[in-house]
Amino acid sequence: MAYHKIEKYDESTTNSLADAYKTIIDNLGEDSNREGLLKTPERISKAMQYLTQGYSMDARTILESAKFHEEVSEMVIVKDIELYSMCEHHMLPFYGKAHVAYIPNGYITGLSKIARVVDVYSRRLQVQERLTEQILHAIKDTLNPHGVAVVIEASHLCMMMRGVSKQNSVTTTSAFSGEFEKNETRSEFLKLITNRLH
């Protein structure tokens, strides 16, 4: 019995991208018609559509889908959220972890929705600095909390594989709003995300 993998991709987009990648492979000096590369343009096309699916998703809609009224005013933290993104300058991956916190102001959201917001913005051509701010603003604008904090730690293959070739470098970016702009609250958050509580 033959193996059939079911995937949903826009056929026109898939074909257009595959044609472009076939040309790229040939221009690099390879033979896109040799056995090992015959299906590569289509595979890359589908991979890129998957890696950039964030363009078709809306973070605010995701948060609104699980928005609940709760009289809670303590810090909520979701840390060590895995993220995978694509550097928009070289279209090489960067990957790492996001730590996100907010202080509710009458509303909370499902914990998984915070991780989904990270996916929405990381599954695009990105720079880490913008990604950090986009996550913060989506939560801030939708939940209107007392404050939001986002810290991202990531390794960039554009630095590791090419250019300066520094394999052990990690880039950290942060964004804070509201109560997290106060030193005491920000320090508590930073202490909690660096401690191993589990």
Protein backbone atom coordinates (compact mmCIF):
# COMPACT_ATOMS: atom_id res chain seq x y z
CA MET A 1 0.00 0.00 0.00
CA ALA A 2 1.47 3.36 -1.03
CA TYR A 3 2.30 6.04 1.54
CA HIS A 4 0.29 9.26 1.11
CA LYS A 5 1.07 12.26 3.26
CA ILE A 6 -1.79 14.74 3.50
CA GLU A 7 -0.69 18.38 3.48
CA LYS A 8 -2.58 21.52 2.57
CA TYR A 9 -0.72 24.11 0.54
CA ASP A 10 -1.88 26.63 -2.01
CA GLU A 11 -1.10 24.94 -5.33
CA SER A 12 -0.39 28.15 -7.23
CA THR A 13 1.99 29.43 -4.56
CA THR A 14 3.69 26.04 -4.29
CA ASN A 15 4.29 25.84 -8.03
CA SER A 16 5.51 29.43 -8.31
CA LEU A 17 7.97 29.03 -5.44
CA ALA A 18 9.14 25.65 -6.72
CA ASP A 19 9.94 27.16 -10.12
CA ALA A 20 11.95 29.90 -8.45
CA TYR A 21 13.88 27.44 -6.29
CA LYS A 22 14.62 25.26 -9.32
CA THR A 23 16.21 28.29 -10.96
CA ILE A 24 18.18 29.06 -7.80
CA ILE A 25 19.52 25.50 -7.62
CA ASP A 26 20.62 25.67 -11.26
CA ASN A 27 22.21 29.10 -10.76
CA LEU A 28 24.23 27.73 -7.85
CA GLY A 29 25.86 25.28 -10.27
CA GLU A 30 23.82 22.20 -9.39
CA ASP A 31 21.66 20.09 -11.67
CA SER A 32 18.05 20.43 -10.50
CA ASN A 33 17.14 17.43 -12.67
CA ARG A 34 19.37 14.91 -10.93
CA GLU A 35 17.63 12.29 -8.81
CA GLY A 36 18.42 13.71 -5.39
CA LEU A 37 17.19 17.18 -6.32
CA LEU A 38 14.14 16.41 -8.45
CA LYS A 39 11.62 17.04 -5.66
CA THR A 40 13.74 19.54 -3.71
CA PRO A 41 12.17 22.71 -5.20
CA GLU A 42 8.70 21.51 -4.18
CA ARG A 43 9.94 20.50 -0.72
CA ILE A 44 11.57 23.90 -0.15
CA SER A 45 8.42 25.61 -1.39
CA LYS A 46 6.27 23.78 1.14
CA ALA A 47 8.84 24.24 3.91
CA MET A 48 8.93 28.00 3.34
CA GLN A 49 5.15 28.22 3.37
CA TYR A 50 5.14 26.40 6.70
CA LEU A 51 7.93 28.55 8.14
CA THR A 52 6.11 31.75 7.18
CA GLN A 53 2.55 30.71 8.04
CA GLY A 54 2.40 33.50 10.61
CA TYR A 55 1.42 35.92 7.85
CA SER A 56 -1.97 34.21 7.64
CA MET A 57 -2.60 34.21 11.40
CA ASP A 58 -3.82 37.00 13.67
CA ALA A 59 -2.44 37.15 17.21
CA ARG A 60 -5.26 39.27 18.60
CA THR A 61 -7.91 36.86 17.32
CA ILE A 62 -6.06 34.00 19.00
CA LEU A 63 -5.94 35.83 22.34
CA GLU A 64 -9.61 36.88 22.08
CA SER A 65 -10.63 33.25 21.47
CA ALA A 66 -9.71 32.38 25.06
CA LYS A 67 -10.20 35.66 26.93
CA PHE A 68 -11.76 35.23 30.36
CA HIS A 69 -12.85 37.69 33.01
CA GLU A 70 -10.90 37.03 36.21
CA GLU A 71 -10.15 39.29 39.17
CA VAL A 72 -6.51 38.28 39.29
CA SER A 73 -3.70 40.80 39.60
CA GLU A 74 -0.63 38.62 40.12
CA MET A 75 2.05 38.15 37.50
CA VAL A 76 1.43 35.39 34.96
CA ILE A 77 4.59 34.03 33.31
CA VAL A 78 4.99 31.55 30.47
CA LYS A 79 8.69 30.90 30.09
CA ASP A 80 10.93 28.79 27.87
CA ILE A 81 8.59 29.00 24.88
CA GLU A 82 10.51 27.48 21.98
CA LEU A 83 10.66 29.69 18.92
CA TYR A 84 11.94 29.21 15.40
CA SER A 85 12.09 32.08 12.96
CA MET A 86 13.80 33.26 9.79
CA CYS A 87 16.19 36.20 9.66
CA GLU A 88 14.84 38.57 7.02
CA HIS A 89 18.34 39.70 6.00
CA HIS A 90 19.73 36.31 4.96
CA MET A 91 16.67 34.03 5.23
CA LEU A 92 18.55 31.76 7.59
CA PRO A 93 16.94 30.45 10.78
CA PHE A 94 17.26 31.82 14.27
CA TYR A 95 15.95 29.87 17.20
CA GLY A 96 15.70 30.07 20.96
CA LYS A 97 13.26 30.75 23.77
CA ALA A 98 10.78 33.44 24.65
CA HIS A 99 9.74 34.36 28.18
CA VAL A 100 6.45 36.25 28.39
CA ALA A 101 4.66 37.74 31.39
CA TYR A 102 1.68 39.96 31.99
CA ILE A 103 -0.17 41.33 35.00
CA PRO A 104 -3.94 40.90 34.44
CA ASN A 105 -6.31 43.83 34.62
CA GLY A 106 -9.64 42.04 34.75
CA TYR A 107 -8.88 39.56 31.94
CA ILE A 108 -6.66 36.53 31.43
CA THR A 109 -6.09 34.36 28.39
CA GLY A 110 -5.41 30.67 27.91
CA LEU A 111 -1.76 29.87 28.59
CA SER A 112 -1.35 28.10 25.26
CA LYS A 113 -2.49 31.27 23.52
CA ILE A 114 0.63 33.09 24.74
CA ALA A 115 2.76 30.43 23.05
CA ARG A 116 0.64 30.72 19.90
CA VAL A 117 1.24 34.48 19.80
CA VAL A 118 4.97 33.76 19.81
CA ASP A 119 4.42 31.41 16.84
CA VAL A 120 2.34 33.96 14.93
CA TYR A 121 5.15 36.48 14.83
CA SER A 122 8.12 34.10 14.72
CA ARG A 123 6.71 32.26 11.68
CA ARG A 124 7.54 35.24 9.46
CA LEU A 125 10.63 36.85 8.02
CA GLN A 126 11.85 38.63 11.12
CA VAL A 127 14.42 40.49 13.14
CA GLN A 128 14.54 39.56 16.81
CA GLU A 129 14.09 43.14 17.96
CA ARG A 130 10.78 43.56 16.09
CA LEU A 131 9.58 40.10 17.11
CA THR A 132 9.99 41.01 20.78
CA GLU A 133 7.96 44.21 20.38
CA GLN A 134 5.21 42.56 18.32
CA ILE A 135 4.57 39.93 20.99
CA LEU A 136 4.37 42.61 23.67
CA HIS A 137 1.97 44.84 21.73
CA ALA A 138 -0.38 41.98 20.78
CA ILE A 139 -0.86 41.08 24.46
CA LYS A 140 -1.00 44.70 25.58
CA ASP A 141 -3.58 45.74 22.98
CA THR A 142 -5.83 42.69 23.45
CA LEU A 143 -5.84 42.12 27.21
CA ASN A 144 -5.11 45.68 28.38
CA PRO A 145 -3.10 44.34 31.33
CA HIS A 146 -1.28 46.36 33.98
CA GLY A 147 1.96 45.45 32.24
CA VAL A 148 3.65 43.09 29.79
CA ALA A 149 7.22 41.76 29.68
CA VAL A 150 8.93 39.83 26.89
CA VAL A 151 12.49 38.50 26.83
CA ILE A 152 13.86 36.49 23.91
CA GLU A 153 17.15 34.60 23.82
CA ALA A 154 18.12 33.29 20.39
CA SER A 155 20.97 31.92 18.30
CA HIS A 156 21.21 33.17 14.73
CA LEU A 157 22.55 30.93 11.97
CA CYS A 158 23.40 34.03 9.93
CA MET A 159 26.07 34.68 12.59
CA MET A 160 26.98 31.05 13.16
CA MET A 161 27.26 29.67 9.60
CA ARG A 162 28.47 32.72 7.69
CA GLY A 163 30.02 36.12 8.27
CA VAL A 164 31.73 36.23 11.68
CA SER A 165 31.03 32.50 12.26
CA LYS A 166 30.53 32.76 16.02
CA GLN A 167 28.85 29.52 17.06
CA ASN A 168 28.35 30.29 20.73
CA SER A 169 26.82 33.76 20.56
CA VAL A 170 23.32 34.32 21.91
CA THR A 171 21.28 37.47 21.33
CA THR A 172 18.95 38.67 24.07
CA THR A 173 16.21 41.25 23.49
CA SER A 174 13.61 42.59 25.91
CA ALA A 175 10.52 44.78 25.93
CA PHE A 176 8.58 46.04 28.94
CA SER A 177 5.40 48.04 29.41
CA GLY A 178 3.32 49.33 32.30
CA GLU A 179 4.22 47.89 35.71
CA PHE A 180 7.25 46.12 34.24
CA GLU A 181 8.86 49.49 33.60
CA LYS A 182 9.30 49.72 37.36
CA ASN A 183 12.59 48.28 38.56
CA GLU A 184 11.04 46.16 41.33
CA THR A 185 8.51 44.39 39.06
CA ARG A 186 11.00 43.94 36.25
CA SER A 187 13.58 42.50 38.66
CA GLU A 188 11.03 40.00 40.01
CA PHE A 189 10.21 38.86 36.48
CA LEU A 190 13.87 38.51 35.49
CA LYS A 191 14.61 36.57 38.66
CA LEU A 192 11.71 34.18 38.03
CA ILE A 193 12.69 33.42 34.42
CA THR A 194 16.32 32.75 35.37
CA ASN A 195 15.54 30.52 38.38
CA ARG A 196 14.93 26.82 37.83
CA LEU A 197 11.69 26.33 39.76
CA HIS A 198 10.75 22.97 38.24
